[in-house]
Amino acid sequence: MSNLFSGVKNGKKFIKRFFLVDFENVQSHGLLGLSKLKETDAVTVYFSKNADTISFEIHMALNSCRAKMDFVKVGIGVKNALDFQLSSQLGYIINQNIVAGNKNVVYYIVSMDNGFSVLKEFWEQFGADVRLVHSINYAVDPPRDGEYSSALSALGLTEEEEAAVVEALRTADSNTDLHNTLQATFKDSNRASEVYRAVKPTFSKAHA
């Protein structure tokens, strides 16, 4: 904890992307994509005793990750304690970068808690680029809507259905997650399966 955000560099290189992970919310799937990070990235994982277990896959990825890694154990007993600490330290990091003159920095909050969207809106006033994503993988290698355009147009979806499918593609972290989301989106399970089969090849490639 003593070295937490002690600077805006990883070695001699300025950090250009900060990932603040709400581990209680996203669990291990939020850490997918660690292997794609660079020395100019930094990851801080906020966890508590209620959520302190990672998968074997993530453990291996951590060992080979080139990004600067920090882990913060948040005490429980106070409602939204993790949210408060993450939000506070986000402001601290942004200030550090402003003072250091480190420009073109992106701050990712990795969480499915849309309440963090207020931080994005707040810091936009001061020129800070804060983004809310569901996983590190989505931040570093997001699905591009155009890649799915032909598959979606062939399905004959309504505008509302297509918007729901695009949102599922943006937020899902695995084939299983995507399949389950589509099943919940479409009342007709056969229709959901049809959509899944149409977008799965491109989705799987993007998340390989």
C-alpha atoms as a PDB file:
ATOM      1  CA  MET A   1       0.000   0.000   0.000  1.00  0.00           C
ATOM      2  CA  SER A   2       2.895   2.349   0.666  1.00  0.00           C
ATOM      3  CA  ASN A   3       3.907   2.435  -3.001  1.00  0.00           C
ATOM      4  CA  LEU A   4       0.383   2.977  -4.272  1.00  0.00           C
ATOM      5  CA  PHE A   5       0.431   5.545  -7.066  1.00  0.00           C
ATOM      6  CA  SER A   6       3.856   6.748  -5.982  1.00  0.00           C
ATOM      7  CA  GLY A   7       4.392   8.166  -9.461  1.00  0.00           C
ATOM      8  CA  VAL A   8       3.118   8.434 -12.992  1.00  0.00           C
ATOM      9  CA  LYS A   9       5.879   6.276 -14.444  1.00  0.00           C
ATOM     10  CA  ASN A  10       6.583   2.567 -14.722  1.00  0.00           C
ATOM     11  CA  GLY A  11      10.346   2.591 -14.614  1.00  0.00           C
ATOM     12  CA  LYS A  12      11.376   5.328 -17.048  1.00  0.00           C
ATOM     13  CA  LYS A  13       8.173   5.280 -19.067  1.00  0.00           C
ATOM     14  CA  PHE A  14       5.166   7.499 -18.468  1.00  0.00           C
ATOM     15  CA  ILE A  15       1.965   5.565 -17.822  1.00  0.00           C
ATOM     16  CA  LYS A  16      -0.684   6.348 -20.426  1.00  0.00           C
ATOM     17  CA  ARG A  17      -3.528   4.053 -19.342  1.00  0.00           C
ATOM     18  CA  PHE A  18      -4.731   3.489 -15.789  1.00  0.00           C
ATOM     19  CA  PHE A  19      -7.146   0.658 -14.993  1.00  0.00           C
ATOM     20  CA  LEU A  20      -8.993   0.844 -11.665  1.00  0.00           C
ATOM     21  CA  VAL A  21     -10.692  -2.513 -11.161  1.00  0.00           C
ATOM     22  CA  ASP A  22     -13.767  -2.897  -8.955  1.00  0.00           C
ATOM     23  CA  PHE A  23     -13.027  -6.560  -8.261  1.00  0.00           C
ATOM     24  CA  GLU A  24     -16.039  -7.026  -5.999  1.00  0.00           C
ATOM     25  CA  ASN A  25     -18.197  -6.211  -8.997  1.00  0.00           C
ATOM     26  CA  VAL A  26     -16.442  -7.802 -11.969  1.00  0.00           C
ATOM     27  CA  GLN A  27     -14.506 -10.648 -10.331  1.00  0.00           C
ATOM     28  CA  SER A  28     -11.878 -12.468 -12.428  1.00  0.00           C
ATOM     29  CA  HIS A  29     -13.547 -11.817 -15.779  1.00  0.00           C
ATOM     30  CA  GLY A  30     -12.849  -8.095 -15.329  1.00  0.00           C
ATOM     31  CA  LEU A  31      -9.124  -8.883 -15.431  1.00  0.00           C
ATOM     32  CA  LEU A  32      -9.264 -10.657 -18.777  1.00  0.00           C
ATOM     33  CA  GLY A  33      -6.889  -8.925 -21.171  1.00  0.00           C
ATOM     34  CA  LEU A  34      -3.949  -8.555 -18.773  1.00  0.00           C
ATOM     35  CA  SER A  35      -1.668 -10.252 -21.290  1.00  0.00           C
ATOM     36  CA  LYS A  36      -2.388  -7.460 -23.799  1.00  0.00           C
ATOM     37  CA  LEU A  37      -1.153  -4.670 -21.525  1.00  0.00           C
ATOM     38  CA  LYS A  38       2.119  -2.780 -21.963  1.00  0.00           C
ATOM     39  CA  GLU A  39       4.721  -1.167 -19.732  1.00  0.00           C
ATOM     40  CA  THR A  40       2.877   2.119 -20.233  1.00  0.00           C
ATOM     41  CA  ASP A  41      -0.194   0.698 -18.449  1.00  0.00           C
ATOM     42  CA  ALA A  42      -1.023   0.510 -14.741  1.00  0.00           C
ATOM     43  CA  VAL A  43      -3.634  -1.641 -13.016  1.00  0.00           C
ATOM     44  CA  THR A  44      -4.992  -1.269  -9.501  1.00  0.00           C
ATOM     45  CA  VAL A  45      -7.278  -3.998  -8.212  1.00  0.00           C
ATOM     46  CA  TYR A  46      -9.631  -3.032  -5.380  1.00  0.00           C
ATOM     47  CA  PHE A  47     -10.857  -6.065  -3.434  1.00  0.00           C
ATOM     48  CA  SER A  48     -12.216  -7.066  -0.044  1.00  0.00           C
ATOM     49  CA  LYS A  49     -12.384 -10.242   2.001  1.00  0.00           C
ATOM     50  CA  ASN A  50     -15.762 -10.862   0.364  1.00  0.00           C
ATOM     51  CA  ALA A  51     -14.074 -11.006  -3.049  1.00  0.00           C
ATOM     52  CA  ASP A  52     -10.412 -11.979  -2.944  1.00  0.00           C
ATOM     53  CA  THR A  53     -10.118 -15.064  -5.169  1.00  0.00           C
ATOM     54  CA  ILE A  54      -8.839 -15.106  -8.742  1.00  0.00           C
ATOM     55  CA  SER A  55      -8.933 -17.890 -11.303  1.00  0.00           C
ATOM     56  CA  PHE A  56      -5.845 -19.914 -12.173  1.00  0.00           C
ATOM     57  CA  GLU A  57      -5.897 -18.356 -15.652  1.00  0.00           C
ATOM     58  CA  ILE A  58      -5.759 -14.854 -14.199  1.00  0.00           C
ATOM     59  CA  HIS A  59      -3.003 -15.864 -11.782  1.00  0.00           C
ATOM     60  CA  MET A  60      -0.812 -16.914 -14.713  1.00  0.00           C
ATOM     61  CA  ALA A  61      -1.646 -13.719 -16.602  1.00  0.00           C
ATOM     62  CA  LEU A  62      -0.606 -11.633 -13.596  1.00  0.00           C
ATOM     63  CA  ASN A  63       2.780 -13.319 -13.493  1.00  0.00           C
ATOM     64  CA  SER A  64       3.518 -12.345 -17.086  1.00  0.00           C
ATOM     65  CA  CYS A  65       1.788  -8.956 -17.137  1.00  0.00           C
ATOM     66  CA  ARG A  66       4.062  -6.052 -18.176  1.00  0.00           C
ATOM     67  CA  ALA A  67       1.870  -3.370 -16.629  1.00  0.00           C
ATOM     68  CA  LYS A  68       2.485  -1.801 -13.219  1.00  0.00           C
ATOM     69  CA  MET A  69       0.271  -3.710 -10.764  1.00  0.00           C
ATOM     70  CA  ASP A  70      -1.155  -2.612  -7.406  1.00  0.00           C
ATOM     71  CA  PHE A  71      -3.630  -4.346  -5.095  1.00  0.00           C
ATOM     72  CA  VAL A  72      -5.758  -2.517  -2.548  1.00  0.00           C
ATOM     73  CA  LYS A  73      -7.671  -4.407   0.120  1.00  0.00           C
ATOM     74  CA  VAL A  74     -10.694  -2.368   1.152  1.00  0.00           C
ATOM     75  CA  GLY A  75     -12.200  -2.830   4.591  1.00  0.00           C
ATOM     76  CA  ILE A  76     -15.857  -3.749   4.802  1.00  0.00           C
ATOM     77  CA  GLY A  77     -18.483  -2.551   7.231  1.00  0.00           C
ATOM     78  CA  VAL A  78     -19.192   0.748   5.505  1.00  0.00           C
ATOM     79  CA  LYS A  79     -21.608   0.714   2.580  1.00  0.00           C
ATOM     80  CA  ASN A  80     -19.908   1.437  -0.754  1.00  0.00           C
ATOM     81  CA  ALA A  81     -16.485   1.620   0.901  1.00  0.00           C
ATOM     82  CA  LEU A  82     -14.760   0.311  -2.216  1.00  0.00           C
ATOM     83  CA  ASP A  83     -16.551   2.823  -4.456  1.00  0.00           C
ATOM     84  CA  PHE A  84     -15.486   5.722  -2.233  1.00  0.00           C
ATOM     85  CA  GLN A  85     -11.848   4.655  -2.131  1.00  0.00           C
ATOM     86  CA  LEU A  86     -11.643   4.002  -5.871  1.00  0.00           C
ATOM     87  CA  SER A  87     -13.246   7.373  -6.629  1.00  0.00           C
ATOM     88  CA  SER A  88     -10.919   9.211  -4.259  1.00  0.00           C
ATOM     89  CA  GLN A  89      -7.800   7.612  -5.660  1.00  0.00           C
ATOM     90  CA  LEU A  90      -8.945   8.273  -9.220  1.00  0.00           C
ATOM     91  CA  GLY A  91      -8.874  11.982  -8.399  1.00  0.00           C
ATOM     92  CA  TYR A  92      -5.449  11.601  -6.839  1.00  0.00           C
ATOM     93  CA  ILE A  93      -4.046   9.896  -9.941  1.00  0.00           C
ATOM     94  CA  ILE A  94      -5.514  12.525 -12.248  1.00  0.00           C
ATOM     95  CA  ASN A  95      -3.950  15.276 -10.144  1.00  0.00           C
ATOM     96  CA  GLN A  96      -0.576  13.518 -10.193  1.00  0.00           C
ATOM     97  CA  ASN A  97      -0.614  13.417 -13.970  1.00  0.00           C
ATOM     98  CA  ILE A  98      -1.660  17.048 -14.274  1.00  0.00           C
ATOM     99  CA  VAL A  99       1.177  18.151 -11.983  1.00  0.00           C
ATOM    100  CA  ALA A 100       3.675  15.973 -13.876  1.00  0.00           C
ATOM    101  CA  GLY A 101       2.509  17.307 -17.237  1.00  0.00           C
ATOM    102  CA  ASN A 102       1.670  13.778 -18.391  1.00  0.00           C
ATOM    103  CA  LYS A 103      -0.827  14.283 -21.231  1.00  0.00           C
ATOM    104  CA  ASN A 104      -3.101  12.036 -23.315  1.00  0.00           C
ATOM    105  CA  VAL A 105      -3.807   9.742 -20.378  1.00  0.00           C
ATOM    106  CA  VAL A 106      -6.895   7.510 -20.272  1.00  0.00           C
ATOM    107  CA  TYR A 107      -8.423   6.345 -16.982  1.00  0.00           C
ATOM    108  CA  TYR A 108     -10.531   3.167 -17.120  1.00  0.00           C
ATOM    109  CA  ILE A 109     -12.881   2.196 -14.309  1.00  0.00           C
ATOM    110  CA  VAL A 110     -13.450  -1.534 -14.718  1.00  0.00           C
ATOM    111  CA  SER A 111     -16.883  -2.176 -13.259  1.00  0.00           C
ATOM    112  CA  MET A 112     -20.455  -2.992 -14.191  1.00  0.00           C
ATOM    113  CA  ASP A 113     -21.675  -0.437 -11.652  1.00  0.00           C
ATOM    114  CA  ASN A 114     -23.094   2.379 -13.779  1.00  0.00           C
ATOM    115  CA  GLY A 115     -22.943   4.655 -10.749  1.00  0.00           C
ATOM    116  CA  PHE A 116     -19.332   5.353 -11.698  1.00  0.00           C
ATOM    117  CA  SER A 117     -20.582   7.162 -14.806  1.00  0.00           C
ATOM    118  CA  VAL A 118     -20.887  10.313 -12.675  1.00  0.00           C
ATOM    119  CA  LEU A 119     -17.097  10.318 -12.367  1.00  0.00           C
ATOM    120  CA  LYS A 120     -16.750  10.273 -16.142  1.00  0.00           C
ATOM    121  CA  GLU A 121     -19.096  13.243 -16.457  1.00  0.00           C
ATOM    122  CA  PHE A 122     -17.427  15.146 -13.607  1.00  0.00           C
ATOM    123  CA  TRP A 123     -13.850  14.791 -14.834  1.00  0.00           C
ATOM    124  CA  GLU A 124     -14.764  15.644 -18.425  1.00  0.00           C
ATOM    125  CA  GLN A 125     -15.173  19.221 -17.167  1.00  0.00           C
ATOM    126  CA  PHE A 126     -11.457  19.268 -16.396  1.00  0.00           C
ATOM    127  CA  GLY A 127     -10.299  17.565 -19.573  1.00  0.00           C
ATOM    128  CA  ALA A 128      -9.655  14.131 -18.049  1.00  0.00           C
ATOM    129  CA  ASP A 129     -10.587  11.119 -20.179  1.00  0.00           C
ATOM    130  CA  VAL A 130     -12.394   8.721 -17.813  1.00  0.00           C
ATOM    131  CA  ARG A 131     -14.117   5.659 -19.248  1.00  0.00           C
ATOM    132  CA  LEU A 132     -16.290   2.948 -17.713  1.00  0.00           C
ATOM    133  CA  VAL A 133     -15.723  -0.576 -19.076  1.00  0.00           C
ATOM    134  CA  HIS A 134     -16.674  -4.099 -17.993  1.00  0.00           C
ATOM    135  CA  SER A 135     -13.234  -5.647 -18.481  1.00  0.00           C
ATOM    136  CA  ILE A 136      -9.658  -4.771 -19.301  1.00  0.00           C
ATOM    137  CA  ASN A 137     -10.010  -6.805 -22.478  1.00  0.00           C
ATOM    138  CA  TYR A 138     -12.835  -4.608 -23.743  1.00  0.00           C
ATOM    139  CA  ALA A 139     -10.764  -1.491 -23.080  1.00  0.00           C
ATOM    140  CA  VAL A 140      -7.680  -2.657 -24.995  1.00  0.00           C
ATOM    141  CA  ASP A 141      -9.462  -4.576 -27.766  1.00  0.00           C
ATOM    142  CA  PRO A 142     -13.092  -3.439 -28.037  1.00  0.00           C
ATOM    143  CA  PRO A 143     -15.420  -5.039 -30.590  1.00  0.00           C
ATOM    144  CA  ARG A 144     -15.974  -2.695 -33.496  1.00  0.00           C
ATOM    145  CA  ASP A 145     -19.602  -2.342 -34.571  1.00  0.00           C
ATOM    146  CA  GLY A 146     -18.664  -2.426 -38.246  1.00  0.00           C
ATOM    147  CA  GLU A 147     -17.274  -5.933 -37.884  1.00  0.00           C
ATOM    148  CA  TYR A 148     -20.754  -7.185 -37.059  1.00  0.00           C
ATOM    149  CA  SER A 149     -22.729  -5.051 -39.520  1.00  0.00           C
ATOM    150  CA  SER A 150     -23.193  -7.703 -42.207  1.00  0.00           C
ATOM    151  CA  ALA A 151     -24.153 -10.385 -39.692  1.00  0.00           C
ATOM    152  CA  LEU A 152     -26.637  -8.104 -37.942  1.00  0.00           C
ATOM    153  CA  SER A 153     -28.251  -6.847 -41.146  1.00  0.00           C
ATOM    154  CA  ALA A 154     -28.843 -10.430 -42.320  1.00  0.00           C
ATOM    155  CA  LEU A 155     -30.794 -11.193 -39.146  1.00  0.00           C
ATOM    156  CA  GLY A 156     -33.556  -8.678 -39.840  1.00  0.00           C
ATOM    157  CA  LEU A 157     -33.492  -7.251 -36.323  1.00  0.00           C
ATOM    158  CA  THR A 158     -35.587  -4.325 -35.222  1.00  0.00           C
ATOM    159  CA  GLU A 159     -33.696  -1.154 -34.298  1.00  0.00           C
ATOM    160  CA  GLU A 160     -34.298  -1.865 -30.612  1.00  0.00           C
ATOM    161  CA  GLU A 161     -33.114  -5.478 -30.923  1.00  0.00           C
ATOM    162  CA  GLU A 162     -29.980  -4.489 -32.813  1.00  0.00           C
ATOM    163  CA  ALA A 163     -29.112  -1.906 -30.154  1.00  0.00           C
ATOM    164  CA  ALA A 164     -29.485  -4.593 -27.473  1.00  0.00           C
ATOM    165  CA  VAL A 165     -27.238  -6.993 -29.397  1.00  0.00           C
ATOM    166  CA  VAL A 166     -24.549  -4.339 -29.919  1.00  0.00           C
ATOM    167  CA  GLU A 167     -24.621  -3.569 -26.195  1.00  0.00           C
ATOM    168  CA  ALA A 168     -24.239  -7.276 -25.419  1.00  0.00           C
ATOM    169  CA  LEU A 169     -21.244  -7.480 -27.755  1.00  0.00           C
ATOM    170  CA  ARG A 170     -19.661  -4.473 -26.086  1.00  0.00           C
ATOM    171  CA  THR A 171     -20.044  -5.742 -22.536  1.00  0.00           C
ATOM    172  CA  ALA A 172     -19.689  -9.540 -22.747  1.00  0.00           C
ATOM    173  CA  ASP A 173     -16.328 -10.988 -21.760  1.00  0.00           C
ATOM    174  CA  SER A 174     -16.723 -14.546 -22.986  1.00  0.00           C
ATOM    175  CA  ASN A 175     -18.818 -16.678 -25.334  1.00  0.00           C
ATOM    176  CA  THR A 176     -20.802 -17.965 -22.377  1.00  0.00           C
ATOM    177  CA  ASP A 177     -21.448 -14.449 -21.117  1.00  0.00           C
ATOM    178  CA  LEU A 178     -22.581 -13.338 -24.573  1.00  0.00           C
ATOM    179  CA  HIS A 179     -24.841 -16.371 -24.993  1.00  0.00           C
ATOM    180  CA  ASN A 180     -26.474 -15.853 -21.607  1.00  0.00           C
ATOM    181  CA  THR A 181     -27.018 -12.145 -22.267  1.00  0.00           C
ATOM    182  CA  LEU A 182     -28.661 -12.824 -25.622  1.00  0.00           C
ATOM    183  CA  GLN A 183     -30.882 -15.492 -24.069  1.00  0.00           C
ATOM    184  CA  ALA A 184     -32.031 -12.937 -21.517  1.00  0.00           C
ATOM    185  CA  THR A 185     -32.546 -10.302 -24.223  1.00  0.00           C
ATOM    186  CA  PHE A 186     -34.713 -12.367 -26.560  1.00  0.00           C
ATOM    187  CA  LYS A 187     -37.807 -14.100 -25.250  1.00  0.00           C
ATOM    188  CA  ASP A 188     -37.513 -16.663 -28.043  1.00  0.00           C
ATOM    189  CA  SER A 189     -34.554 -18.902 -27.191  1.00  0.00           C
ATOM    190  CA  ASN A 190     -34.307 -20.107 -30.804  1.00  0.00           C
ATOM    191  CA  ARG A 191     -34.018 -16.507 -31.984  1.00  0.00           C
ATOM    192  CA  ALA A 192     -31.364 -15.811 -29.351  1.00  0.00           C
ATOM    193  CA  SER A 193     -29.391 -18.847 -30.530  1.00  0.00           C
ATOM    194  CA  GLU A 194     -29.668 -17.691 -34.141  1.00  0.00           C
ATOM    195  CA  VAL A 195     -28.229 -14.282 -33.242  1.00  0.00           C
ATOM    196  CA  TYR A 196     -25.484 -15.895 -31.172  1.00  0.00           C
ATOM    197  CA  ARG A 197     -24.400 -18.162 -34.019  1.00  0.00           C
ATOM    198  CA  ALA A 198     -24.269 -15.193 -36.397  1.00  0.00           C
ATOM    199  CA  VAL A 199     -21.989 -13.015 -34.253  1.00  0.00           C
ATOM    200  CA  LYS A 200     -19.980 -15.686 -32.436  1.00  0.00           C
ATOM    201  CA  PRO A 201     -17.165 -16.117 -35.024  1.00  0.00           C
ATOM    202  CA  THR A 202     -16.223 -12.416 -34.984  1.00  0.00           C
ATOM    203  CA  PHE A 203     -16.752 -12.110 -31.227  1.00  0.00           C
ATOM    204  CA  SER A 204     -14.549 -15.144 -30.493  1.00  0.00           C
ATOM    205  CA  LYS A 205     -11.775 -13.788 -32.709  1.00  0.00           C
ATOM    206  CA  ALA A 206     -11.849 -10.414 -30.936  1.00  0.00           C
ATOM    207  CA  HIS A 207     -11.638 -12.097 -27.514  1.00  0.00           C
ATOM    208  CA  ALA A 208      -9.059 -14.748 -28.345  1.00  0.00           C
END
